[in-house]
């Protein structure tokens, strides 16, 4: 059985910081605005994660892009 690798383990400290900052801004804006739709917040979190992995050239980024499209639609 093949072990699955953690895609976050291969990110540089800058990329991890960029991802964490993006997630924090999305969550903070959803909390401060109060009326944020849960599906919109989830789609934004998936979208940010997909962008990081697509930029690195990982296949999981393309999969997350499809999931993002489903949540956005």
N, C-alpha and C. Protein backbone atom coordinates (compact mmCIF):
# COMPACT_ATOMS: atom_id res chain seq x y z
N UNK A 1 0.84 -1.17 0.00
CA UNK A 1 0.00 0.00 0.00
C UNK A 1 0.89 1.24 0.00
N UNK A 2 0.61 2.15 -0.90
CA UNK A 2 1.41 3.35 -1.03
C UNK A 2 0.96 4.39 -0.01
N UNK A 3 1.94 5.01 0.65
CA UNK A 3 1.62 6.04 1.62
C UNK A 3 1.38 7.36 0.91
N UNK A 4 0.41 8.12 1.39
CA UNK A 4 0.12 9.43 0.85
C UNK A 4 1.05 10.45 1.51
N UNK A 5 1.60 11.32 0.71
CA UNK A 5 2.48 12.35 1.23
C UNK A 5 1.68 13.58 1.63
N UNK A 6 2.15 14.26 2.63
CA UNK A 6 1.52 15.48 3.09
C UNK A 6 1.98 16.63 2.19
N UNK A 7 1.09 17.21 1.38
CA UNK A 7 1.52 18.28 0.47
C UNK A 7 1.97 19.54 1.21
N UNK A 8 1.50 19.75 2.44
CA UNK A 8 1.91 20.93 3.19
C UNK A 8 3.35 20.81 3.69
N UNK A 9 3.85 19.59 3.81
CA UNK A 9 5.20 19.38 4.32
C UNK A 9 6.26 19.91 3.35
N UNK A 10 5.94 20.02 2.08
CA UNK A 10 6.91 20.45 1.08
C UNK A 10 6.87 21.96 0.82
N UNK A 11 6.00 22.68 1.50
CA UNK A 11 5.91 24.12 1.31
C UNK A 11 7.05 24.82 2.05
N UNK A 12 7.54 25.89 1.47
CA UNK A 12 8.58 26.68 2.13
C UNK A 12 7.94 27.48 3.27
N UNK A 13 8.75 27.98 4.19
CA UNK A 13 8.18 28.80 5.28
C UNK A 13 7.42 30.03 4.76
N UNK A 14 7.91 30.64 3.67
CA UNK A 14 7.19 31.78 3.10
C UNK A 14 5.82 31.36 2.59
N UNK A 15 5.75 30.23 1.90
CA UNK A 15 4.48 29.74 1.35
C UNK A 15 3.51 29.37 2.46
N UNK A 16 4.03 28.77 3.51
CA UNK A 16 3.16 28.45 4.67
C UNK A 16 2.63 29.73 5.31
N UNK A 17 3.50 30.72 5.45
CA UNK A 17 3.07 31.99 6.02
C UNK A 17 2.04 32.69 5.14
N UNK A 18 2.27 32.64 3.83
CA UNK A 18 1.31 33.23 2.89
C UNK A 18 -0.04 32.54 2.99
N UNK A 19 -0.03 31.21 3.07
CA UNK A 19 -1.28 30.45 3.18
C UNK A 19 -1.98 30.76 4.50
N UNK A 20 -1.22 30.76 5.60
CA UNK A 20 -1.81 31.05 6.92
C UNK A 20 -2.39 32.47 6.98
N UNK A 21 -1.67 33.42 6.40
CA UNK A 21 -2.17 34.79 6.38
C UNK A 21 -3.45 34.89 5.55
N UNK A 22 -3.48 34.22 4.43
CA UNK A 22 -4.68 34.24 3.59
C UNK A 22 -5.88 33.63 4.30
N UNK A 23 -5.65 32.50 4.97
CA UNK A 23 -6.72 31.84 5.72
C UNK A 23 -7.21 32.74 6.85
N UNK A 24 -6.26 33.37 7.54
CA UNK A 24 -6.64 34.25 8.65
C UNK A 24 -7.46 35.45 8.16
N UNK A 25 -7.08 36.03 7.03
CA UNK A 25 -7.83 37.17 6.48
C UNK A 25 -9.23 36.74 6.08
N UNK A 26 -9.37 35.57 5.49
CA UNK A 26 -10.70 35.08 5.08
C UNK A 26 -11.58 34.85 6.30
N UNK A 27 -11.04 34.19 7.30
CA UNK A 27 -11.82 33.90 8.51
C UNK A 27 -12.15 35.19 9.25
N UNK A 28 -11.16 36.09 9.36
CA UNK A 28 -11.39 37.35 10.06
C UNK A 28 -12.46 38.20 9.36
N UNK A 29 -12.40 38.25 8.05
CA UNK A 29 -13.40 39.02 7.32
C UNK A 29 -14.79 38.39 7.44
N UNK A 30 -14.85 37.06 7.48
CA UNK A 30 -16.15 36.40 7.65
C UNK A 30 -16.73 36.68 9.03
N UNK A 31 -15.87 36.70 10.04
CA UNK A 31 -16.35 36.96 11.40
C UNK A 31 -16.75 38.43 11.56
N UNK A 32 -15.96 39.34 11.02
CA UNK A 32 -16.26 40.76 11.17
C UNK A 32 -17.49 41.18 10.39
N UNK A 33 -17.72 40.58 9.25
CA UNK A 33 -18.89 40.94 8.45
C UNK A 33 -20.17 40.31 8.98
N UNK A 34 -20.04 39.26 9.74
CA UNK A 34 -21.19 38.68 10.41
C UNK A 34 -22.12 37.87 9.53
N UNK A 35 -22.50 38.36 8.39
CA UNK A 35 -23.48 37.68 7.56
C UNK A 35 -22.86 36.83 6.46
N UNK A 36 -21.65 36.38 6.67
CA UNK A 36 -20.96 35.60 5.63
C UNK A 36 -21.61 34.23 5.48
N UNK A 37 -21.84 33.85 4.24
CA UNK A 37 -22.39 32.54 3.94
C UNK A 37 -21.31 31.48 4.17
N UNK A 38 -21.67 30.39 4.81
CA UNK A 38 -20.70 29.34 5.14
C UNK A 38 -20.09 28.73 3.89
N UNK A 39 -20.90 28.53 2.86
CA UNK A 39 -20.37 27.95 1.63
C UNK A 39 -19.37 28.90 0.95
N UNK A 40 -19.59 30.19 1.05
CA UNK A 40 -18.65 31.15 0.48
C UNK A 40 -17.31 31.12 1.21
N UNK A 41 -17.37 31.00 2.52
CA UNK A 41 -16.13 30.92 3.31
C UNK A 41 -15.38 29.63 2.99
N UNK A 42 -16.09 28.52 2.92
CA UNK A 42 -15.45 27.25 2.58
C UNK A 42 -14.86 27.30 1.18
N UNK A 43 -15.59 27.88 0.23
CA UNK A 43 -15.08 27.99 -1.14
C UNK A 43 -13.83 28.86 -1.18
N UNK A 44 -13.81 29.93 -0.41
CA UNK A 44 -12.63 30.79 -0.37
C UNK A 44 -11.42 30.07 0.22
N UNK A 45 -11.64 29.31 1.28
CA UNK A 45 -10.55 28.55 1.89
C UNK A 45 -10.00 27.49 0.94
N UNK A 46 -10.90 26.82 0.24
CA UNK A 46 -10.48 25.82 -0.75
C UNK A 46 -9.73 26.50 -1.89
N UNK A 47 -10.22 27.66 -2.32
CA UNK A 47 -9.59 28.39 -3.41
C UNK A 47 -8.18 28.84 -3.08
N UNK A 48 -7.98 29.36 -1.87
CA UNK A 48 -6.65 29.79 -1.44
C UNK A 48 -5.69 28.60 -1.40
N UNK A 49 -6.16 27.50 -0.87
CA UNK A 49 -5.34 26.29 -0.79
C UNK A 49 -5.01 25.77 -2.18
N UNK A 50 -6.00 25.80 -3.06
CA UNK A 50 -5.77 25.33 -4.43
C UNK A 50 -4.74 26.19 -5.14
N UNK A 51 -4.79 27.51 -4.94
CA UNK A 51 -3.84 28.40 -5.60
C UNK A 51 -2.40 28.10 -5.18
N UNK A 52 -2.19 27.83 -3.90
CA UNK A 52 -0.84 27.51 -3.42
C UNK A 52 -0.33 26.25 -4.10
N UNK A 53 -1.18 25.22 -4.16
CA UNK A 53 -0.74 23.94 -4.71
C UNK A 53 -0.63 23.96 -6.23
N UNK A 54 -1.47 24.74 -6.91
CA UNK A 54 -1.35 24.87 -8.36
C UNK A 54 -0.05 25.59 -8.70
N UNK A 55 0.29 26.61 -7.91
CA UNK A 55 1.53 27.34 -8.14
C UNK A 55 2.75 26.45 -7.96
N UNK A 56 2.66 25.47 -7.06
CA UNK A 56 3.76 24.53 -6.85
C UNK A 56 3.77 23.41 -7.89
N UNK A 57 2.68 23.26 -8.64
CA UNK A 57 2.60 22.23 -9.67
C UNK A 57 2.11 20.89 -9.16
N UNK A 58 1.41 20.89 -8.04
CA UNK A 58 0.89 19.64 -7.47
C UNK A 58 -0.47 19.30 -8.07
N UNK A 59 -0.72 18.03 -8.26
CA UNK A 59 -1.99 17.57 -8.82
C UNK A 59 -3.14 17.87 -7.86
N UNK A 60 -2.88 17.83 -6.57
CA UNK A 60 -3.93 18.10 -5.59
C UNK A 60 -4.51 19.50 -5.79
N UNK A 61 -3.71 20.42 -6.33
CA UNK A 61 -4.21 21.76 -6.62
C UNK A 61 -5.28 21.76 -7.69
N UNK A 62 -5.11 20.93 -8.71
CA UNK A 62 -6.12 20.84 -9.77
C UNK A 62 -7.39 20.19 -9.25
N UNK A 63 -7.23 19.20 -8.38
CA UNK A 63 -8.41 18.56 -7.77
C UNK A 63 -9.17 19.57 -6.91
N UNK A 64 -8.42 20.34 -6.11
CA UNK A 64 -9.07 21.35 -5.27
C UNK A 64 -9.73 22.44 -6.10
N UNK A 65 -9.19 22.73 -7.28
CA UNK A 65 -9.81 23.70 -8.16
C UNK A 65 -11.19 23.23 -8.62
N UNK A 66 -11.32 21.94 -8.91
CA UNK A 66 -12.62 21.39 -9.29
C UNK A 66 -13.58 21.45 -8.10
N UNK A 67 -13.10 21.12 -6.91
CA UNK A 67 -13.94 21.20 -5.70
C UNK A 67 -14.35 22.65 -5.46
N UNK A 68 -13.42 23.58 -5.67
CA UNK A 68 -13.73 25.01 -5.54
C UNK A 68 -14.85 25.42 -6.50
N UNK A 69 -14.77 24.92 -7.73
CA UNK A 69 -15.81 25.26 -8.72
C UNK A 69 -17.18 24.73 -8.30
N UNK A 70 -17.19 23.55 -7.70
CA UNK A 70 -18.46 22.97 -7.23
C UNK A 70 -19.04 23.82 -6.10
N UNK A 71 -18.19 24.22 -5.15
CA UNK A 71 -18.67 25.04 -4.04
C UNK A 71 -19.10 26.42 -4.52
N UNK A 72 -18.40 26.98 -5.48
CA UNK A 72 -18.74 28.30 -5.98
C UNK A 72 -20.05 28.26 -6.77
N UNK A 73 -20.23 27.17 -7.50
CA UNK A 73 -21.45 27.04 -8.32
C UNK A 73 -22.63 26.76 -7.45
